[in-house]
Amino acid sequence: MDTQRKDREERRERIKDRIATTTAVIVLLAVWEGWVRLAHVPASMFSSPTQIVQATIDAWPTLWPATQVTAFEGFVGFAFAVLAGILVGIAFYCFRTLNAALYPLLYAAQTMPLITIAPLFLIWFGFEISGKIVITAFWGLFPIAVQTIRGLKAVPQFYSDVALTCGATPVWTLWHVKLRVAARQIFGGVRISAAYIFATATTAEYLGARKGLGIWLQAAYNSFRTPLIFSATIVIVALTVLLMAIVNVCERVLLGPVENDENPDE
């Protein structure tokens, strides 16, 4: 009975939070629209929500193909980033010499500005889509690798002791016990990566590509079509939200709800 009451209260709180968020967004859009109209702000300087929507509809025949290119680069690059990031993290965890020598560099690599390194990738891989996938995967793997290492190091020793006592091998313990316990933190790194993956792909396209949202955004900027700049931004945000939702669903399916996790120390 207490559990049902608690579930109802949590459900009501979630509904209240969503209503508050929705209300805030509506008020923000209304104030934005009113300010642009009443102040007679030029559309080339700052566009209203209705102007952005209309421009997006008008430009959709060219915006949609560009979106498909960037979405493909982002999703494929993200898949490679997740795989490579987890494998790199496991390797650093298993080999102490490798971790001691290269972990500071791996951690510092997250601070590298994309705009200074991307030209090298353009030289190496050209202007094709494959080059953008490589750049996206490369930048996306760092937070995943770092959180994988941290997650594995944070696993309490008694998990391994119990598994080994029951006859499990160290390799089996790593893949079936330690990674499972560290999975929440690994997913934290995956979410960090997902938050920036499409921004990375678009920036890489902007610096040099044949097609994609980056090139589309560059054309909008060069022609001073401010509403289209907002349109590209909205699409990038929408793609990021979609990817984050996929990550959250995968986490829930693979690990279950966060509230179901038990604290072994209690």
C-alpha atoms as a PDB file:
ATOM      1  CA  MET A   1       0.000   0.000   0.000  1.00  0.00           C
ATOM      2  CA  ASP A   2       2.825   2.366   0.886  1.00  0.00           C
ATOM      3  CA  THR A   3       4.523   1.513  -2.392  1.00  0.00           C
ATOM      4  CA  GLN A   4       1.406   2.348  -4.399  1.00  0.00           C
ATOM      5  CA  ARG A   5       1.003   5.651  -2.557  1.00  0.00           C
ATOM      6  CA  LYS A   6       4.641   6.491  -3.205  1.00  0.00           C
ATOM      7  CA  ASP A   7       4.250   5.670  -6.918  1.00  0.00           C
ATOM      8  CA  ARG A   8       1.196   7.925  -7.167  1.00  0.00           C
ATOM      9  CA  GLU A   9       3.031  10.774  -5.470  1.00  0.00           C
ATOM     10  CA  GLU A  10       6.020  10.387  -7.786  1.00  0.00           C
ATOM     11  CA  ARG A  11       3.692  10.327 -10.800  1.00  0.00           C
ATOM     12  CA  ARG A  12       2.003  13.537  -9.639  1.00  0.00           C
ATOM     13  CA  GLU A  13       5.361  15.206  -9.124  1.00  0.00           C
ATOM     14  CA  ARG A  14       6.478  14.249 -12.641  1.00  0.00           C
ATOM     15  CA  ILE A  15       3.244  15.649 -14.092  1.00  0.00           C
ATOM     16  CA  LYS A  16       3.727  18.894 -12.159  1.00  0.00           C
ATOM     17  CA  ASP A  17       7.309  19.183 -13.413  1.00  0.00           C
ATOM     18  CA  ARG A  18       6.220  18.672 -17.015  1.00  0.00           C
ATOM     19  CA  ILE A  19       3.417  21.219 -16.695  1.00  0.00           C
ATOM     20  CA  ALA A  20       5.881  23.731 -15.244  1.00  0.00           C
ATOM     21  CA  THR A  21       8.363  23.116 -18.061  1.00  0.00           C
ATOM     22  CA  THR A  22       5.674  23.386 -20.746  1.00  0.00           C
ATOM     23  CA  THR A  23       4.347  26.602 -19.230  1.00  0.00           C
ATOM     24  CA  ALA A  24       7.829  28.127 -19.084  1.00  0.00           C
ATOM     25  CA  VAL A  25       8.479  27.284 -22.750  1.00  0.00           C
ATOM     26  CA  ILE A  26       5.134  28.773 -23.847  1.00  0.00           C
ATOM     27  CA  VAL A  27       5.747  31.978 -21.863  1.00  0.00           C
ATOM     28  CA  LEU A  28       9.285  32.270 -23.259  1.00  0.00           C
ATOM     29  CA  LEU A  29       8.053  31.867 -26.848  1.00  0.00           C
ATOM     30  CA  ALA A  30       5.254  34.390 -26.289  1.00  0.00           C
ATOM     31  CA  VAL A  31       7.638  36.990 -24.824  1.00  0.00           C
ATOM     32  CA  TRP A  32      10.117  36.324 -27.642  1.00  0.00           C
ATOM     33  CA  GLU A  33       7.437  36.737 -30.326  1.00  0.00           C
ATOM     34  CA  GLY A  34       6.001  39.840 -28.701  1.00  0.00           C
ATOM     35  CA  TRP A  35       9.380  41.520 -28.282  1.00  0.00           C
ATOM     36  CA  VAL A  36      10.392  40.984 -31.924  1.00  0.00           C
ATOM     37  CA  ARG A  37       7.032  42.262 -33.224  1.00  0.00           C
ATOM     38  CA  LEU A  38       6.612  45.250 -30.897  1.00  0.00           C
ATOM     39  CA  ALA A  39      10.240  46.362 -31.168  1.00  0.00           C
ATOM     40  CA  HIS A  40      10.197  45.884 -34.964  1.00  0.00           C
ATOM     41  CA  VAL A  41      13.453  43.934 -34.835  1.00  0.00           C
ATOM     42  CA  PRO A  42      14.715  43.185 -38.372  1.00  0.00           C
ATOM     43  CA  ALA A  43      14.413  39.500 -39.296  1.00  0.00           C
ATOM     44  CA  SER A  44      18.018  39.558 -40.483  1.00  0.00           C
ATOM     45  CA  MET A  45      19.139  40.438 -36.954  1.00  0.00           C
ATOM     46  CA  PHE A  46      16.842  38.393 -34.722  1.00  0.00           C
ATOM     47  CA  SER A  47      13.907  36.263 -35.883  1.00  0.00           C
ATOM     48  CA  SER A  48      10.640  35.561 -34.124  1.00  0.00           C
ATOM     49  CA  PRO A  49       9.395  31.988 -33.529  1.00  0.00           C
ATOM     50  CA  THR A  50       6.725  32.359 -36.258  1.00  0.00           C
ATOM     51  CA  GLN A  51       9.331  33.593 -38.742  1.00  0.00           C
ATOM     52  CA  ILE A  52      11.571  30.654 -37.874  1.00  0.00           C
ATOM     53  CA  VAL A  53       8.725  28.173 -38.333  1.00  0.00           C
ATOM     54  CA  GLN A  54       7.739  29.697 -41.678  1.00  0.00           C
ATOM     55  CA  ALA A  55      11.344  29.766 -42.891  1.00  0.00           C
ATOM     56  CA  THR A  56      11.795  26.138 -41.849  1.00  0.00           C
ATOM     57  CA  ILE A  57       8.706  25.093 -43.800  1.00  0.00           C
ATOM     58  CA  ASP A  58       9.802  27.028 -46.876  1.00  0.00           C
ATOM     59  CA  ALA A  59      13.357  25.651 -46.759  1.00  0.00           C
ATOM     60  CA  TRP A  60      12.365  22.087 -45.881  1.00  0.00           C
ATOM     61  CA  PRO A  61      13.106  20.658 -49.387  1.00  0.00           C
ATOM     62  CA  THR A  62      16.771  21.545 -48.895  1.00  0.00           C
ATOM     63  CA  LEU A  63      16.895  21.274 -45.098  1.00  0.00           C
ATOM     64  CA  TRP A  64      15.690  17.674 -44.952  1.00  0.00           C
ATOM     65  CA  PRO A  65      18.417  16.194 -47.238  1.00  0.00           C
ATOM     66  CA  ALA A  66      21.068  18.077 -45.244  1.00  0.00           C
ATOM     67  CA  THR A  67      19.542  16.749 -42.022  1.00  0.00           C
ATOM     68  CA  GLN A  68      19.702  13.171 -43.325  1.00  0.00           C
ATOM     69  CA  VAL A  69      23.419  13.505 -44.042  1.00  0.00           C
ATOM     70  CA  THR A  70      24.257  14.917 -40.606  1.00  0.00           C
ATOM     71  CA  ALA A  71      21.981  12.402 -38.877  1.00  0.00           C
ATOM     72  CA  PHE A  72      23.742   9.527 -40.624  1.00  0.00           C
ATOM     73  CA  GLU A  73      27.170  10.867 -39.691  1.00  0.00           C
ATOM     74  CA  GLY A  74      26.107  11.440 -36.105  1.00  0.00           C
ATOM     75  CA  PHE A  75      24.384   8.103 -35.460  1.00  0.00           C
ATOM     76  CA  VAL A  76      27.086   6.007 -37.146  1.00  0.00           C
ATOM     77  CA  GLY A  77      29.887   8.007 -35.536  1.00  0.00           C
ATOM     78  CA  PHE A  78      28.195   7.697 -32.144  1.00  0.00           C
ATOM     79  CA  ALA A  79      27.903   3.909 -32.503  1.00  0.00           C
ATOM     80  CA  PHE A  80      31.623   3.670 -33.235  1.00  0.00           C
ATOM     81  CA  ALA A  81      32.373   6.060 -30.346  1.00  0.00           C
ATOM     82  CA  VAL A  82      30.447   3.891 -27.870  1.00  0.00           C
ATOM     83  CA  LEU A  83      32.176   0.706 -29.003  1.00  0.00           C
ATOM     84  CA  ALA A  84      35.649   2.242 -29.135  1.00  0.00           C
ATOM     85  CA  GLY A  85      35.200   4.190 -25.896  1.00  0.00           C
ATOM     86  CA  ILE A  86      34.194   1.138 -23.875  1.00  0.00           C
ATOM     87  CA  LEU A  87      37.001  -0.994 -25.346  1.00  0.00           C
ATOM     88  CA  VAL A  88      39.584   1.728 -24.698  1.00  0.00           C
ATOM     89  CA  GLY A  89      38.314   2.126 -21.141  1.00  0.00           C
ATOM     90  CA  ILE A  90      38.552  -1.636 -20.513  1.00  0.00           C
ATOM     91  CA  ALA A  91      42.078  -1.711 -21.929  1.00  0.00           C
ATOM     92  CA  PHE A  92      43.213   1.139 -19.682  1.00  0.00           C
ATOM     93  CA  TYR A  93      41.631  -0.560 -16.676  1.00  0.00           C
ATOM     94  CA  CYS A  94      43.241  -3.937 -17.364  1.00  0.00           C
ATOM     95  CA  PHE A  95      46.752  -2.693 -18.132  1.00  0.00           C
ATOM     96  CA  ARG A  96      48.082  -0.497 -15.350  1.00  0.00           C
ATOM     97  CA  THR A  97      51.166   0.611 -17.280  1.00  0.00           C
ATOM     98  CA  LEU A  98      49.003   1.786 -20.160  1.00  0.00           C
ATOM     99  CA  ASN A  99      46.715   3.600 -17.729  1.00  0.00           C
ATOM    100  CA  ALA A 100      49.588   5.270 -15.892  1.00  0.00           C
ATOM    101  CA  ALA A 101      51.234   6.382 -19.125  1.00  0.00           C
ATOM    102  CA  LEU A 102      48.289   7.519 -21.199  1.00  0.00           C
ATOM    103  CA  TYR A 103      45.299   8.230 -18.920  1.00  0.00           C
ATOM    104  CA  PRO A 104      46.340  11.869 -18.306  1.00  0.00           C
ATOM    105  CA  LEU A 105      46.583  12.321 -22.084  1.00  0.00           C
ATOM    106  CA  LEU A 106      43.202  10.655 -22.619  1.00  0.00           C
ATOM    107  CA  TYR A 107      41.653  12.945 -20.018  1.00  0.00           C
ATOM    108  CA  ALA A 108      43.334  16.054 -21.463  1.00  0.00           C
ATOM    109  CA  ALA A 109      42.246  15.111 -25.001  1.00  0.00           C
ATOM    110  CA  GLN A 110      38.681  16.067 -24.053  1.00  0.00           C
ATOM    111  CA  THR A 111      39.782  19.706 -23.917  1.00  0.00           C
ATOM    112  CA  MET A 112      41.119  19.805 -27.475  1.00  0.00           C
ATOM    113  CA  PRO A 113      39.254  22.401 -29.557  1.00  0.00           C
ATOM    114  CA  LEU A 114      37.656  20.800 -32.580  1.00  0.00           C
ATOM    115  CA  ILE A 115      38.387  23.765 -34.809  1.00  0.00           C
ATOM    116  CA  THR A 116      42.165  23.284 -34.437  1.00  0.00           C
ATOM    117  CA  ILE A 117      42.223  19.520 -35.041  1.00  0.00           C
ATOM    118  CA  ALA A 118      39.476  19.085 -37.647  1.00  0.00           C
ATOM    119  CA  PRO A 119      41.627  20.471 -40.495  1.00  0.00           C
ATOM    120  CA  LEU A 120      44.009  17.547 -39.994  1.00  0.00           C
ATOM    121  CA  PHE A 121      41.131  15.099 -40.398  1.00  0.00           C
ATOM    122  CA  LEU A 122      40.085  16.947 -43.551  1.00  0.00           C
ATOM    123  CA  ILE A 123      43.600  16.478 -44.932  1.00  0.00           C
ATOM    124  CA  TRP A 124      43.663  12.801 -43.979  1.00  0.00           C
ATOM    125  CA  PHE A 125      40.105  11.784 -44.883  1.00  0.00           C
ATOM    126  CA  GLY A 126      38.926  14.467 -47.306  1.00  0.00           C
ATOM    127  CA  PHE A 127      35.530  16.120 -47.539  1.00  0.00           C
ATOM    128  CA  GLU A 128      33.460  12.937 -47.771  1.00  0.00           C
ATOM    129  CA  ILE A 129      30.945  11.643 -45.220  1.00  0.00           C
ATOM    130  CA  SER A 130      33.372   8.977 -44.001  1.00  0.00           C
ATOM    131  CA  GLY A 131      35.729  11.688 -42.770  1.00  0.00           C
ATOM    132  CA  LYS A 132      32.973  13.287 -40.698  1.00  0.00           C
ATOM    133  CA  ILE A 133      32.099   9.917 -39.190  1.00  0.00           C
ATOM    134  CA  VAL A 134      35.730   9.469 -38.128  1.00  0.00           C
ATOM    135  CA  ILE A 135      35.857  12.938 -36.554  1.00  0.00           C
ATOM    136  CA  THR A 136      32.556  12.384 -34.757  1.00  0.00           C
ATOM    137  CA  ALA A 137      33.599   8.979 -33.437  1.00  0.00           C
ATOM    138  CA  PHE A 138      37.014  10.274 -32.361  1.00  0.00           C
ATOM    139  CA  TRP A 139      35.579  13.173 -30.346  1.00  0.00           C
ATOM    140  CA  GLY A 140      32.764  11.091 -28.950  1.00  0.00           C
ATOM    141  CA  LEU A 141      34.844   8.280 -27.477  1.00  0.00           C
ATOM    142  CA  PHE A 142      36.754  10.325 -24.878  1.00  0.00           C
ATOM    143  CA  PRO A 143      34.016  10.835 -22.244  1.00  0.00           C
ATOM    144  CA  ILE A 144      32.890   7.226 -22.688  1.00  0.00           C
ATOM    145  CA  ALA A 145      36.411   5.890 -22.184  1.00  0.00           C
ATOM    146  CA  VAL A 146      37.020   8.080 -19.136  1.00  0.00           C
ATOM    147  CA  GLN A 147      33.743   7.095 -17.466  1.00  0.00           C
ATOM    148  CA  THR A 148      34.357   3.422 -18.264  1.00  0.00           C
ATOM    149  CA  ILE A 149      37.711   3.583 -16.494  1.00  0.00           C
ATOM    150  CA  ARG A 150      36.241   5.410 -13.511  1.00  0.00           C
ATOM    151  CA  GLY A 151      33.276   3.070 -13.317  1.00  0.00           C
ATOM    152  CA  LEU A 152      35.412  -0.071 -13.322  1.00  0.00           C
ATOM    153  CA  LYS A 153      37.762   1.356 -10.698  1.00  0.00           C
ATOM    154  CA  ALA A 154      34.798   2.192  -8.470  1.00  0.00           C
ATOM    155  CA  VAL A 155      33.425  -1.379  -8.424  1.00  0.00           C
ATOM    156  CA  PRO A 156      33.705  -2.728  -4.839  1.00  0.00           C
ATOM    157  CA  GLN A 157      36.236  -5.534  -4.519  1.00  0.00           C
ATOM    158  CA  PHE A 158      33.776  -7.961  -2.939  1.00  0.00           C
ATOM    159  CA  TYR A 159      31.959  -8.375  -6.265  1.00  0.00           C
ATOM    160  CA  SER A 160      35.097  -9.864  -7.790  1.00  0.00           C
ATOM    161  CA  ASP A 161      35.843 -11.889  -4.665  1.00  0.00           C
ATOM    162  CA  VAL A 162      32.424 -13.551  -4.707  1.00  0.00           C
ATOM    163  CA  ALA A 163      32.602 -14.331  -8.441  1.00  0.00           C
ATOM    164  CA  LEU A 164      36.128 -15.741  -8.240  1.00  0.00           C
ATOM    165  CA  THR A 165      35.241 -17.782  -5.156  1.00  0.00           C
ATOM    166  CA  CYS A 166      32.365 -19.342  -7.099  1.00  0.00           C
ATOM    167  CA  GLY A 167      34.773 -20.464  -9.815  1.00  0.00           C
ATOM    168  CA  ALA A 168      34.471 -17.631 -12.323  1.00  0.00           C
ATOM    169  CA  THR A 169      37.511 -16.657 -14.360  1.00  0.00           C
ATOM    170  CA  PRO A 170      38.923 -13.113 -14.222  1.00  0.00           C
ATOM    171  CA  VAL A 171      37.779 -12.489 -17.804  1.00  0.00           C
ATOM    172  CA  TRP A 172      34.235 -13.698 -17.051  1.00  0.00           C
ATOM    173  CA  THR A 173      34.191 -11.567 -13.896  1.00  0.00           C
ATOM    174  CA  LEU A 174      35.225  -8.502 -15.862  1.00  0.00           C
ATOM    175  CA  TRP A 175      32.584  -8.869 -18.569  1.00  0.00           C
ATOM    176  CA  HIS A 176      29.680 -10.196 -16.505  1.00  0.00           C
ATOM    177  CA  VAL A 177      30.209  -8.634 -13.066  1.00  0.00           C
ATOM    178  CA  LYS A 178      32.403  -5.537 -13.109  1.00  0.00           C
ATOM    179  CA  LEU A 179      30.999  -4.068 -16.317  1.00  0.00           C
ATOM    180  CA  ARG A 180      27.464  -4.671 -15.079  1.00  0.00           C
ATOM    181  CA  VAL A 181      28.150  -2.863 -11.805  1.00  0.00           C
ATOM    182  CA  ALA A 182      29.939  -0.025 -13.637  1.00  0.00           C
ATOM    183  CA  ALA A 183      27.255   0.227 -16.326  1.00  0.00           C
ATOM    184  CA  ARG A 184      25.460   3.219 -14.776  1.00  0.00           C
ATOM    185  CA  GLN A 185      28.610   5.316 -14.838  1.00  0.00           C
ATOM    186  CA  ILE A 186      29.448   4.131 -18.350  1.00  0.00           C
ATOM    187  CA  PHE A 187      26.019   5.265 -19.502  1.00  0.00           C
ATOM    188  CA  GLY A 188      26.813   8.625 -17.911  1.00  0.00           C
ATOM    189  CA  GLY A 189      29.750   8.944 -20.305  1.00  0.00           C
ATOM    190  CA  VAL A 190      27.554   7.794 -23.191  1.00  0.00           C
ATOM    191  CA  ARG A 191      25.053  10.565 -22.402  1.00  0.00           C
ATOM    192  CA  ILE A 192      27.825  13.170 -22.286  1.00  0.00           C
ATOM    193  CA  SER A 193      29.009  11.996 -25.692  1.00  0.00           C
ATOM    194  CA  ALA A 194      25.476  11.974 -27.116  1.00  0.00           C
ATOM    195  CA  ALA A 195      24.927  15.574 -26.015  1.00  0.00           C
ATOM    196  CA  TYR A 196      27.674  16.853 -28.320  1.00  0.00           C
ATOM    197  CA  ILE A 197      27.724  14.339 -31.167  1.00  0.00           C
ATOM    198  CA  PHE A 198      25.589  16.249 -33.687  1.00  0.00           C
ATOM    199  CA  ALA A 199      27.166  19.589 -32.809  1.00  0.00           C
ATOM    200  CA  THR A 200      30.521  17.970 -33.551  1.00  0.00           C
ATOM    201  CA  ALA A 201      29.310  16.564 -36.869  1.00  0.00           C
ATOM    202  CA  THR A 202      27.834  19.926 -37.904  1.00  0.00           C
ATOM    203  CA  THR A 203      30.987  21.833 -36.940  1.00  0.00           C
ATOM    204  CA  ALA A 204      33.111  19.384 -38.915  1.00  0.00           C
ATOM    205  CA  GLU A 205      30.852  19.905 -41.937  1.00  0.00           C
ATOM    206  CA  TYR A 206      31.039  23.667 -41.517  1.00  0.00           C
ATOM    207  CA  LEU A 207      34.836  23.515 -41.659  1.00  0.00           C
ATOM    208  CA  GLY A 208      34.841  21.433 -44.815  1.00  0.00           C
ATOM    209  CA  ALA A 209      32.294  19.138 -46.431  1.00  0.00           C
ATOM    210  CA  ARG A 210      30.240  18.645 -49.577  1.00  0.00           C
ATOM    211  CA  LYS A 211      26.835  18.435 -47.914  1.00  0.00           C
ATOM    212  CA  GLY A 212      25.127  18.319 -44.521  1.00  0.00           C
ATOM    213  CA  LEU A 213      23.721  20.757 -41.965  1.00  0.00           C
ATOM    214  CA  GLY A 214      27.101  22.443 -41.565  1.00  0.00           C
ATOM    215  CA  ILE A 215      27.197  23.433 -45.242  1.00  0.00           C
ATOM    216  CA  TRP A 216      23.511  24.381 -45.134  1.00  0.00           C
ATOM    217  CA  LEU A 217      24.160  26.547 -42.081  1.00  0.00           C
ATOM    218  CA  GLN A 218      27.135  28.148 -43.773  1.00  0.00           C
ATOM    219  CA  ALA A 219      24.989  29.066 -46.798  1.00  0.00           C
ATOM    220  CA  ALA A 220      22.350  30.602 -44.504  1.00  0.00           C
ATOM    221  CA  TYR A 221      24.995  32.633 -42.692  1.00  0.00           C
ATOM    222  CA  ASN A 222      26.643  33.871 -45.889  1.00  0.00           C
ATOM    223  CA  SER A 223      23.279  35.072 -47.226  1.00  0.00           C
ATOM    224  CA  PHE A 224      22.283  36.714 -43.879  1.00  0.00           C
ATOM    225  CA  ARG A 225      19.161  34.523 -43.608  1.00  0.00           C
ATOM    226  CA  THR A 226      18.923  34.538 -39.822  1.00  0.00           C
ATOM    227  CA  PRO A 227      15.701  32.481 -39.577  1.00  0.00           C
ATOM    228  CA  LEU A 228      17.435  29.594 -41.340  1.00  0.00           C
ATOM    229  CA  ILE A 229      20.279  29.711 -38.825  1.00  0.00           C
ATOM    230  CA  PHE A 230      17.692  29.147 -36.098  1.00  0.00           C
ATOM    231  CA  SER A 231      16.135  26.390 -38.218  1.00  0.00           C
ATOM    232  CA  ALA A 232      19.420  24.491 -38.386  1.00  0.00           C
ATOM    233  CA  THR A 233      19.890  24.965 -34.655  1.00  0.00           C
ATOM    234  CA  ILE A 234      16.433  23.535 -33.930  1.00  0.00           C
ATOM    235  CA  VAL A 235      17.149  20.502 -36.108  1.00  0.00           C
ATOM    236  CA  ILE A 236      20.458  19.850 -34.319  1.00  0.00           C
ATOM    237  CA  VAL A 237      18.726  20.116 -30.950  1.00  0.00           C
ATOM    238  CA  ALA A 238      15.959  17.758 -32.134  1.00  0.00           C
ATOM    239  CA  LEU A 239      18.502  15.176 -33.309  1.00  0.00           C
ATOM    240  CA  THR A 240      20.331  15.437 -29.988  1.00  0.00           C
ATOM    241  CA  VAL A 241      17.102  14.983 -28.015  1.00  0.00           C
ATOM    242  CA  LEU A 242      16.263  11.926 -30.130  1.00  0.00           C
ATOM    243  CA  LEU A 243      19.679  10.386 -29.511  1.00  0.00           C
ATOM    244  CA  MET A 244      19.495  11.123 -25.779  1.00  0.00           C
ATOM    245  CA  ALA A 245      16.058   9.472 -25.653  1.00  0.00           C
ATOM    246  CA  ILE A 246      17.446   6.381 -27.394  1.00  0.00           C
ATOM    247  CA  VAL A 247      20.303   6.225 -24.874  1.00  0.00           C
ATOM    248  CA  ASN A 248      17.875   6.528 -21.947  1.00  0.00           C
ATOM    249  CA  VAL A 249      15.637   3.800 -23.352  1.00  0.00           C
ATOM    250  CA  CYS A 250      18.631   1.492 -23.872  1.00  0.00           C
ATOM    251  CA  GLU A 251      19.777   2.108 -20.305  1.00  0.00           C
ATOM    252  CA  ARG A 252      16.330   1.387 -18.927  1.00  0.00           C
ATOM    253  CA  VAL A 253      15.943  -1.792 -21.013  1.00  0.00           C
ATOM    254  CA  LEU A 254      19.414  -3.129 -20.207  1.00  0.00           C
ATOM    255  CA  LEU A 255      19.716  -2.042 -16.560  1.00  0.00           C
ATOM    256  CA  GLY A 256      16.183  -1.307 -15.423  1.00  0.00           C
ATOM    257  CA  PRO A 257      15.001   1.858 -13.631  1.00  0.00           C
ATOM    258  CA  VAL A 258      17.610   3.686 -11.596  1.00  0.00           C
ATOM    259  CA  GLU A 259      15.436   3.548  -8.484  1.00  0.00           C
ATOM    260  CA  ASN A 260      15.586  -0.274  -8.584  1.00  0.00           C
ATOM    261  CA  ASP A 261      19.351  -0.305  -8.052  1.00  0.00           C
ATOM    262  CA  GLU A 262      20.317  -1.390  -4.579  1.00  0.00           C
ATOM    263  CA  ASN A 263      23.162   0.161  -2.666  1.00  0.00           C
ATOM    264  CA  PRO A 264      25.431  -2.716  -1.616  1.00  0.00           C
ATOM    265  CA  ASP A 265      26.807  -0.659   1.252  1.00  0.00           C
ATOM    266  CA  GLU A 266      23.439  -0.341   2.969  1.00  0.00           C
END
